Amino acid sequence: MDTPHLALTGTAHHEAGHAVIALALGGTVRGISLRPVGGDWHGDVSLRFPDTDQAVPDLVVALLAGAHAEHRWHALHRPTHTAYPYDIDAGAAPDRDLVHDLLAALPRRERPTQRELDARAARLVLTHWAHVEHLAARLVQHEHRDRTRS
């Protein structure tokens, strides 16, 4: 695979991780978009959770799941650094910034630790990996179909 396709595939797994874990936790996915930016790909996913005490922790888990899914894809497919020269954790910084803001807004006594939510995200990605891969493949296929029509 060439670098642009690897970038698309990695981004698709990242966004699929958010979406699949949100659905597994009872949330809804309002949309997923992938767009080329220079030689890279950026993704967005719009998630919604029922208004309960668990909404913020579940949203945080879904946000953290994106990087876990991309890391798992990377570990399974092992693209070379030359072909995939991306720092997954740096790319997930906006997700972590939002996680920090969401958790900081909770009263301290009601706030779960980011570490426990991150561990939960990692476990859920492993549990639902087949769904993450399936959705990521569909996202990549959709982008290729759209590019060939343009």
N, C-alpha and C. Protein backbone atom coordinates (compact mmCIF):
# COMPACT_ATOMS: atom_id res chain seq x y z
N MET A 1 0.84 -1.19 0.00
CA MET A 1 0.00 0.00 0.00
C MET A 1 0.88 1.24 0.00
N ASP A 2 0.46 2.25 -0.72
CA ASP A 2 1.21 3.49 -0.73
C ASP A 2 0.80 4.37 0.46
N THR A 3 1.59 5.41 0.72
CA THR A 3 1.38 6.26 1.88
C THR A 3 0.00 6.89 1.92
N PRO A 4 -0.52 7.48 0.83
CA PRO A 4 -1.87 8.06 0.92
C PRO A 4 -2.94 7.03 1.29
N HIS A 5 -2.84 5.81 0.73
CA HIS A 5 -3.82 4.78 1.07
C HIS A 5 -3.66 4.34 2.53
N LEU A 6 -2.42 4.23 3.00
CA LEU A 6 -2.19 3.88 4.40
C LEU A 6 -2.75 4.96 5.32
N ALA A 7 -2.56 6.23 4.95
CA ALA A 7 -3.08 7.33 5.77
C ALA A 7 -4.60 7.26 5.84
N LEU A 8 -5.24 7.01 4.71
CA LEU A 8 -6.70 6.86 4.69
C LEU A 8 -7.13 5.68 5.55
N THR A 9 -6.45 4.56 5.42
CA THR A 9 -6.82 3.35 6.16
C THR A 9 -6.63 3.54 7.66
N GLY A 10 -5.52 4.15 8.06
CA GLY A 10 -5.30 4.42 9.49
C GLY A 10 -6.35 5.35 10.05
N THR A 11 -6.66 6.41 9.31
CA THR A 11 -7.69 7.36 9.75
C THR A 11 -9.05 6.70 9.81
N ALA A 12 -9.35 5.85 8.84
CA ALA A 12 -10.64 5.14 8.85
C ALA A 12 -10.76 4.25 10.08
N HIS A 13 -9.69 3.58 10.47
CA HIS A 13 -9.73 2.75 11.68
C HIS A 13 -9.91 3.61 12.92
N HIS A 14 -9.26 4.75 12.96
CA HIS A 14 -9.39 5.66 14.09
C HIS A 14 -10.85 6.10 14.26
N GLU A 15 -11.45 6.58 13.18
CA GLU A 15 -12.84 7.06 13.26
C GLU A 15 -13.81 5.91 13.50
N ALA A 16 -13.54 4.75 12.91
CA ALA A 16 -14.38 3.58 13.16
C ALA A 16 -14.31 3.17 14.63
N GLY A 17 -13.14 3.31 15.24
CA GLY A 17 -13.02 3.01 16.67
C GLY A 17 -13.94 3.88 17.50
N HIS A 18 -13.94 5.18 17.22
CA HIS A 18 -14.87 6.08 17.94
C HIS A 18 -16.31 5.60 17.76
N ALA A 19 -16.70 5.37 16.52
CA ALA A 19 -18.10 5.07 16.20
C ALA A 19 -18.55 3.74 16.78
N VAL A 20 -17.77 2.70 16.58
CA VAL A 20 -18.18 1.37 17.04
C VAL A 20 -18.30 1.33 18.56
N ILE A 21 -17.36 1.95 19.25
CA ILE A 21 -17.42 1.92 20.71
C ILE A 21 -18.56 2.79 21.22
N ALA A 22 -18.82 3.91 20.57
CA ALA A 22 -19.99 4.71 20.96
C ALA A 22 -21.27 3.88 20.84
N LEU A 23 -21.42 3.18 19.74
CA LEU A 23 -22.61 2.33 19.54
C LEU A 23 -22.67 1.22 20.59
N ALA A 24 -21.53 0.62 20.91
CA ALA A 24 -21.49 -0.45 21.91
C ALA A 24 -21.90 0.06 23.29
N LEU A 25 -21.69 1.34 23.54
CA LEU A 25 -22.02 1.93 24.84
C LEU A 25 -23.41 2.57 24.85
N GLY A 26 -24.17 2.38 23.79
CA GLY A 26 -25.53 2.91 23.76
C GLY A 26 -25.67 4.29 23.15
N GLY A 27 -24.60 4.79 22.56
CA GLY A 27 -24.66 6.09 21.90
C GLY A 27 -25.14 5.96 20.47
N THR A 28 -25.24 7.08 19.80
CA THR A 28 -25.59 7.09 18.39
C THR A 28 -24.50 7.83 17.63
N VAL A 29 -24.37 7.46 16.37
CA VAL A 29 -23.40 8.11 15.48
C VAL A 29 -24.19 8.90 14.47
N ARG A 30 -23.98 10.20 14.48
CA ARG A 30 -24.73 11.07 13.57
C ARG A 30 -24.05 11.20 12.22
N GLY A 31 -22.77 10.90 12.16
CA GLY A 31 -22.06 10.97 10.89
C GLY A 31 -20.57 10.76 11.07
N ILE A 32 -19.94 10.30 10.01
CA ILE A 32 -18.49 10.13 9.96
C ILE A 32 -18.02 10.74 8.65
N SER A 33 -16.97 11.54 8.72
CA SER A 33 -16.42 12.09 7.48
C SER A 33 -14.91 11.92 7.48
N LEU A 34 -14.38 11.64 6.32
CA LEU A 34 -12.95 11.57 6.08
C LEU A 34 -12.65 12.53 4.95
N ARG A 35 -11.59 13.31 5.09
CA ARG A 35 -11.26 14.26 4.03
C ARG A 35 -9.75 14.37 3.89
N PRO A 36 -9.31 14.48 2.63
CA PRO A 36 -7.87 14.65 2.42
C PRO A 36 -7.45 16.07 2.78
N VAL A 37 -6.30 16.17 3.44
CA VAL A 37 -5.73 17.47 3.79
C VAL A 37 -4.25 17.38 3.45
N GLY A 38 -3.86 18.03 2.36
CA GLY A 38 -2.49 17.88 1.88
C GLY A 38 -2.28 16.43 1.49
N GLY A 39 -1.24 15.81 1.99
CA GLY A 39 -1.00 14.39 1.72
C GLY A 39 -1.51 13.49 2.82
N ASP A 40 -2.30 14.04 3.72
CA ASP A 40 -2.80 13.30 4.88
C ASP A 40 -4.32 13.19 4.81
N TRP A 41 -4.89 12.50 5.77
CA TRP A 41 -6.35 12.40 5.89
C TRP A 41 -6.75 12.82 7.29
N HIS A 42 -7.85 13.52 7.38
CA HIS A 42 -8.42 13.90 8.66
C HIS A 42 -9.83 13.34 8.74
N GLY A 43 -10.24 13.00 9.94
CA GLY A 43 -11.57 12.45 10.11
C GLY A 43 -12.33 13.15 11.21
N ASP A 44 -13.63 13.06 11.12
CA ASP A 44 -14.53 13.59 12.14
C ASP A 44 -15.66 12.60 12.32
N VAL A 45 -16.10 12.46 13.55
CA VAL A 45 -17.26 11.64 13.84
C VAL A 45 -18.13 12.42 14.81
N SER A 46 -19.41 12.41 14.58
CA SER A 46 -20.36 13.11 15.45
C SER A 46 -21.09 12.06 16.28
N LEU A 47 -20.90 12.14 17.60
CA LEU A 47 -21.47 11.16 18.52
C LEU A 47 -22.48 11.83 19.44
N ARG A 48 -23.43 11.05 19.86
CA ARG A 48 -24.43 11.54 20.83
C ARG A 48 -24.72 10.41 21.81
N PHE A 49 -24.86 10.78 23.09
CA PHE A 49 -25.20 9.82 24.13
C PHE A 49 -26.44 10.29 24.88
N PRO A 50 -27.23 9.33 25.38
CA PRO A 50 -28.41 9.72 26.17
C PRO A 50 -27.98 10.56 27.37
N ASP A 51 -28.83 11.46 27.79
CA ASP A 51 -28.52 12.37 28.89
C ASP A 51 -28.66 11.63 30.23
N THR A 52 -27.60 10.94 30.60
CA THR A 52 -27.56 10.19 31.86
C THR A 52 -26.27 10.53 32.58
N ASP A 53 -26.12 10.03 33.81
CA ASP A 53 -24.88 10.23 34.56
C ASP A 53 -23.69 9.57 33.88
N GLN A 54 -23.96 8.60 33.03
CA GLN A 54 -22.89 7.86 32.35
C GLN A 54 -22.50 8.48 31.00
N ALA A 55 -23.20 9.52 30.58
CA ALA A 55 -22.97 10.10 29.25
C ALA A 55 -21.53 10.58 29.07
N VAL A 56 -21.01 11.35 30.01
CA VAL A 56 -19.65 11.88 29.84
C VAL A 56 -18.61 10.76 29.89
N PRO A 57 -18.65 9.87 30.89
CA PRO A 57 -17.66 8.77 30.86
C PRO A 57 -17.75 7.93 29.59
N ASP A 58 -18.95 7.66 29.10
CA ASP A 58 -19.08 6.87 27.87
C ASP A 58 -18.53 7.63 26.66
N LEU A 59 -18.80 8.92 26.59
CA LEU A 59 -18.24 9.73 25.50
C LEU A 59 -16.72 9.73 25.56
N VAL A 60 -16.18 9.86 26.76
CA VAL A 60 -14.72 9.84 26.92
C VAL A 60 -14.15 8.50 26.43
N VAL A 61 -14.78 7.41 26.80
CA VAL A 61 -14.31 6.09 26.34
C VAL A 61 -14.33 6.02 24.82
N ALA A 62 -15.41 6.50 24.21
CA ALA A 62 -15.50 6.49 22.74
C ALA A 62 -14.43 7.37 22.11
N LEU A 63 -14.14 8.51 22.72
CA LEU A 63 -13.09 9.39 22.19
C LEU A 63 -11.72 8.72 22.29
N LEU A 64 -11.46 8.06 23.39
CA LEU A 64 -10.17 7.39 23.57
C LEU A 64 -10.02 6.15 22.69
N ALA A 65 -11.13 5.57 22.29
CA ALA A 65 -11.10 4.35 21.47
C ALA A 65 -10.50 4.58 20.09
N GLY A 66 -10.57 5.79 19.57
CA GLY A 66 -10.04 6.05 18.23
C GLY A 66 -8.56 5.73 18.12
N ALA A 67 -7.76 6.25 19.04
CA ALA A 67 -6.32 5.99 18.99
C ALA A 67 -6.02 4.52 19.24
N HIS A 68 -6.78 3.88 20.14
CA HIS A 68 -6.56 2.44 20.38
C HIS A 68 -6.82 1.64 19.11
N ALA A 69 -7.86 2.00 18.38
CA ALA A 69 -8.16 1.28 17.13
C ALA A 69 -7.06 1.50 16.10
N GLU A 70 -6.59 2.72 15.97
CA GLU A 70 -5.52 2.99 14.99
C GLU A 70 -4.23 2.27 15.39
N HIS A 71 -3.91 2.26 16.69
CA HIS A 71 -2.72 1.53 17.16
C HIS A 71 -2.85 0.03 16.87
N ARG A 72 -4.04 -0.52 17.09
CA ARG A 72 -4.24 -1.96 16.83
C ARG A 72 -4.07 -2.26 15.34
N TRP A 73 -4.67 -1.43 14.49
CA TRP A 73 -4.50 -1.62 13.04
C TRP A 73 -3.02 -1.58 12.69
N HIS A 74 -2.31 -0.60 13.25
CA HIS A 74 -0.88 -0.45 12.97
C HIS A 74 -0.11 -1.69 13.44
N ALA A 75 -0.42 -2.19 14.62
CA ALA A 75 0.28 -3.37 15.14
C ALA A 75 0.01 -4.62 14.30
N LEU A 76 -1.19 -4.74 13.79
CA LEU A 76 -1.55 -5.91 12.98
C LEU A 76 -0.95 -5.86 11.58
N HIS A 77 -0.87 -4.68 11.00
CA HIS A 77 -0.44 -4.57 9.60
C HIS A 77 0.99 -4.07 9.43
N ARG A 78 1.55 -3.52 10.47
CA ARG A 78 2.95 -3.11 10.54
C ARG A 78 3.48 -2.37 9.31
N PRO A 79 2.85 -1.28 8.94
CA PRO A 79 3.43 -0.50 7.83
C PRO A 79 4.77 0.09 8.28
N THR A 80 5.69 0.20 7.35
CA THR A 80 6.99 0.77 7.69
C THR A 80 6.83 2.24 8.04
N HIS A 81 7.78 2.76 8.80
CA HIS A 81 7.73 4.17 9.16
C HIS A 81 7.81 5.06 7.92
N THR A 82 8.54 4.61 6.93
CA THR A 82 8.64 5.38 5.69
C THR A 82 7.29 5.47 4.99
N ALA A 83 6.55 4.37 4.99
CA ALA A 83 5.25 4.35 4.32
C ALA A 83 4.16 4.99 5.17
N TYR A 84 4.30 4.95 6.50
CA TYR A 84 3.28 5.48 7.41
C TYR A 84 3.99 6.31 8.47
N PRO A 85 4.45 7.52 8.10
CA PRO A 85 5.29 8.31 9.00
C PRO A 85 4.47 9.17 9.98
N TYR A 86 3.44 8.61 10.56
CA TYR A 86 2.54 9.39 11.40
C TYR A 86 2.68 8.99 12.86
N ASP A 87 2.62 9.97 13.73
CA ASP A 87 2.60 9.74 15.17
C ASP A 87 1.14 9.67 15.59
N ILE A 88 0.67 8.46 15.84
CA ILE A 88 -0.75 8.25 16.15
C ILE A 88 -1.16 9.05 17.37
N ASP A 89 -0.31 9.06 18.40
CA ASP A 89 -0.67 9.78 19.62
C ASP A 89 -0.73 11.29 19.40
N ALA A 90 0.16 11.82 18.59
CA ALA A 90 0.10 13.26 18.28
C ALA A 90 -1.17 13.57 17.49
N GLY A 91 -1.53 12.68 16.57
CA GLY A 91 -2.75 12.88 15.79
C GLY A 91 -4.00 12.82 16.63
N ALA A 92 -3.94 12.10 17.76
CA ALA A 92 -5.10 11.98 18.65
C ALA A 92 -5.14 13.08 19.71
N ALA A 93 -4.23 14.03 19.65
CA ALA A 93 -4.19 15.10 20.66
C ALA A 93 -5.51 15.86 20.78
N PRO A 94 -6.20 16.19 19.68
CA PRO A 94 -7.50 16.87 19.85
C PRO A 94 -8.51 16.03 20.63
N ASP A 95 -8.49 14.72 20.44
CA ASP A 95 -9.38 13.84 21.22
C ASP A 95 -9.02 13.91 22.70
N ARG A 96 -7.72 13.83 23.01
CA ARG A 96 -7.29 13.88 24.41
C ARG A 96 -7.59 15.24 25.04
N ASP A 97 -7.46 16.31 24.26
CA ASP A 97 -7.80 17.65 24.79
C ASP A 97 -9.27 17.72 25.16
N LEU A 98 -10.13 17.17 24.31
CA LEU A 98 -11.56 17.16 24.60
C LEU A 98 -11.85 16.27 25.81
N VAL A 99 -11.18 15.13 25.91
CA VAL A 99 -11.32 14.24 27.07
C VAL A 99 -10.98 15.00 28.35
N HIS A 100 -9.87 15.71 28.33
CA HIS A 100 -9.45 16.48 29.50
C HIS A 100 -10.52 17.49 29.90
N ASP A 101 -11.03 18.23 28.93
CA ASP A 101 -12.05 19.24 29.21
C ASP A 101 -13.33 18.60 29.76
N LEU A 102 -13.75 17.49 29.17
CA LEU A 102 -14.97 16.81 29.63
C LEU A 102 -14.82 16.31 31.06
N LEU A 103 -13.69 15.69 31.37
CA LEU A 103 -13.48 15.17 32.71
C LEU A 103 -13.30 16.29 33.73
N ALA A 104 -12.61 17.35 33.34
CA ALA A 104 -12.39 18.47 34.26
C ALA A 104 -13.70 19.16 34.64
N ALA A 105 -14.69 19.08 33.76
CA ALA A 105 -15.98 19.72 34.03
C ALA A 105 -16.83 18.93 35.03
N LEU A 106 -16.47 17.66 35.27
CA LEU A 106 -17.22 16.85 36.24
C LEU A 106 -16.78 17.19 37.66
N PRO A 107 -17.70 17.14 38.62
CA PRO A 107 -17.28 17.31 40.01
C PRO A 107 -16.24 16.25 40.38
N ARG A 108 -15.23 16.63 41.12
CA ARG A 108 -14.10 15.75 41.42
C ARG A 108 -14.55 14.40 41.99
N ARG A 109 -15.51 14.40 42.89
CA ARG A 109 -15.94 13.15 43.52
C ARG A 109 -16.70 12.24 42.56
N GLU A 110 -17.17 12.78 41.45
CA GLU A 110 -17.90 11.99 40.45
C GLU A 110 -17.05 11.64 39.24
N ARG A 111 -15.81 12.08 39.25
CA ARG A 111 -14.95 11.96 38.07
C ARG A 111 -14.18 10.64 38.06
N PRO A 112 -14.42 9.79 37.07
CA PRO A 112 -13.58 8.59 36.95
C PRO A 112 -12.19 9.01 36.46
N THR A 113 -11.20 8.18 36.70
CA THR A 113 -9.87 8.55 36.23
C THR A 113 -9.75 8.30 34.73
N GLN A 114 -8.95 9.12 34.09
CA GLN A 114 -8.73 8.94 32.67
C GLN A 114 -8.06 7.59 32.42
N ARG A 115 -7.22 7.17 33.34
CA ARG A 115 -6.53 5.89 33.18
C ARG A 115 -7.53 4.73 33.11
N GLU A 116 -8.54 4.72 34.00
CA GLU A 116 -9.50 3.62 33.97
C GLU A 116 -10.38 3.68 32.73
N LEU A 117 -10.72 4.89 32.29
CA LEU A 117 -11.52 5.02 31.07
C LEU A 117 -10.71 4.62 29.84
N ASP A 118 -9.42 4.94 29.85
CA ASP A 118 -8.54 4.55 28.73
C ASP A 118 -8.40 3.03 28.67
N ALA A 119 -8.25 2.39 29.82
CA ALA A 119 -8.16 0.93 29.84
C ALA A 119 -9.46 0.30 29.34
N ARG A 120 -10.58 0.90 29.71
CA ARG A 120 -11.87 0.40 29.23
C ARG A 120 -11.97 0.54 27.71
N ALA A 121 -11.52 1.67 27.19
CA ALA A 121 -11.54 1.89 25.74
C ALA A 121 -10.70 0.83 25.03
N ALA A 122 -9.52 0.55 25.56
CA ALA A 122 -8.65 -0.46 24.94
C ALA A 122 -9.31 -1.83 24.94
N ARG A 123 -9.94 -2.20 26.06
CA ARG A 123 -10.62 -3.51 26.13
C ARG A 123 -11.78 -3.58 25.14
N LEU A 124 -12.55 -2.50 25.05
CA LEU A 124 -13.70 -2.50 24.14
C LEU A 124 -13.27 -2.58 22.68
N VAL A 125 -12.18 -1.93 22.33
CA VAL A 125 -11.68 -2.02 20.95
C VAL A 125 -11.33 -3.46 20.62
N LEU A 126 -10.67 -4.15 21.54
CA LEU A 126 -10.34 -5.57 21.31
C LEU A 126 -11.61 -6.41 21.18
N THR A 127 -12.56 -6.16 22.06
CA THR A 127 -13.81 -6.93 22.04
C THR A 127 -14.57 -6.73 20.73
N HIS A 128 -14.58 -5.52 20.23
CA HIS A 128 -15.38 -5.18 19.05
C HIS A 128 -14.53 -4.99 17.79
N TRP A 129 -13.34 -5.59 17.78
CA TRP A 129 -12.40 -5.36 16.68
C TRP A 129 -12.99 -5.72 15.31
N ALA A 130 -13.70 -6.81 15.22
CA ALA A 130 -14.27 -7.20 13.92
C ALA A 130 -15.19 -6.12 13.38
N HIS A 131 -15.96 -5.49 14.25
CA HIS A 131 -16.85 -4.40 13.81
C HIS A 131 -16.06 -3.16 13.40
N VAL A 132 -14.99 -2.87 14.15
CA VAL A 132 -14.13 -1.73 13.79
C VAL A 132 -13.55 -1.95 12.40
N GLU A 133 -13.01 -3.14 12.16
CA GLU A 133 -12.41 -3.43 10.85
C GLU A 133 -13.44 -3.35 9.73
N HIS A 134 -14.62 -3.87 9.98
CA HIS A 134 -15.68 -3.85 8.96
C HIS A 134 -16.06 -2.41 8.61
N LEU A 135 -16.29 -1.59 9.63
CA LEU A 135 -16.66 -0.20 9.36
C LEU A 135 -15.52 0.55 8.68
N ALA A 136 -14.29 0.34 9.13
CA ALA A 136 -13.14 1.01 8.50
C ALA A 136 -13.04 0.63 7.03
N ALA A 137 -13.23 -0.64 6.71
CA ALA A 137 -13.17 -1.08 5.31
C ALA A 137 -14.25 -0.39 4.49
N ARG A 138 -15.43 -0.25 5.05
CA ARG A 138 -16.52 0.43 4.33
C ARG A 138 -16.20 1.91 4.13
N LEU A 139 -15.59 2.54 5.12
CA LEU A 139 -15.22 3.95 4.98
C LEU A 139 -14.17 4.13 3.88
N VAL A 140 -13.18 3.25 3.85
CA VAL A 140 -12.14 3.31 2.81
C VAL A 140 -12.77 3.08 1.44
N GLN A 141 -13.63 2.08 1.35
CA GLN A 141 -14.29 1.77 0.08
C GLN A 141 -15.12 2.97 -0.39
N HIS A 142 -15.83 3.59 0.51
CA HIS A 142 -16.65 4.75 0.18
C HIS A 142 -15.78 5.89 -0.36
N GLU A 143 -14.64 6.13 0.28
CA GLU A 143 -13.75 7.21 -0.17
C GLU A 143 -13.17 6.90 -1.55
N HIS A 144 -12.79 5.64 -1.78
CA HIS A 144 -12.26 5.27 -3.11
C HIS A 144 -13.33 5.43 -4.19
N ARG A 145 -14.55 5.03 -3.88
CA ARG A 145 -15.64 5.16 -4.85
C ARG A 145 -15.90 6.64 -5.15
N ASP A 146 -15.91 7.48 -4.12
CA ASP A 146 -16.12 8.91 -4.33
C ASP A 146 -15.00 9.53 -5.14
N ARG A 147 -13.76 9.12 -4.92
CA ARG A 147 -12.61 9.69 -5.63
C ARG A 147 -12.63 9.29 -7.11
N THR A 148 -13.08 8.07 -7.40
CA THR A 148 -13.10 7.64 -8.81
C THR A 148 -14.23 8.29 -9.58
N ARG A 149 -15.27 8.74 -8.89
CA ARG A 149 -16.37 9.44 -9.55
C ARG A 149 -16.03 10.89 -9.85
N SER A 150 -15.11 11.46 -9.08
CA SER A 150 -14.78 12.89 -9.24
C SER A 150 -13.99 13.16 -10.49
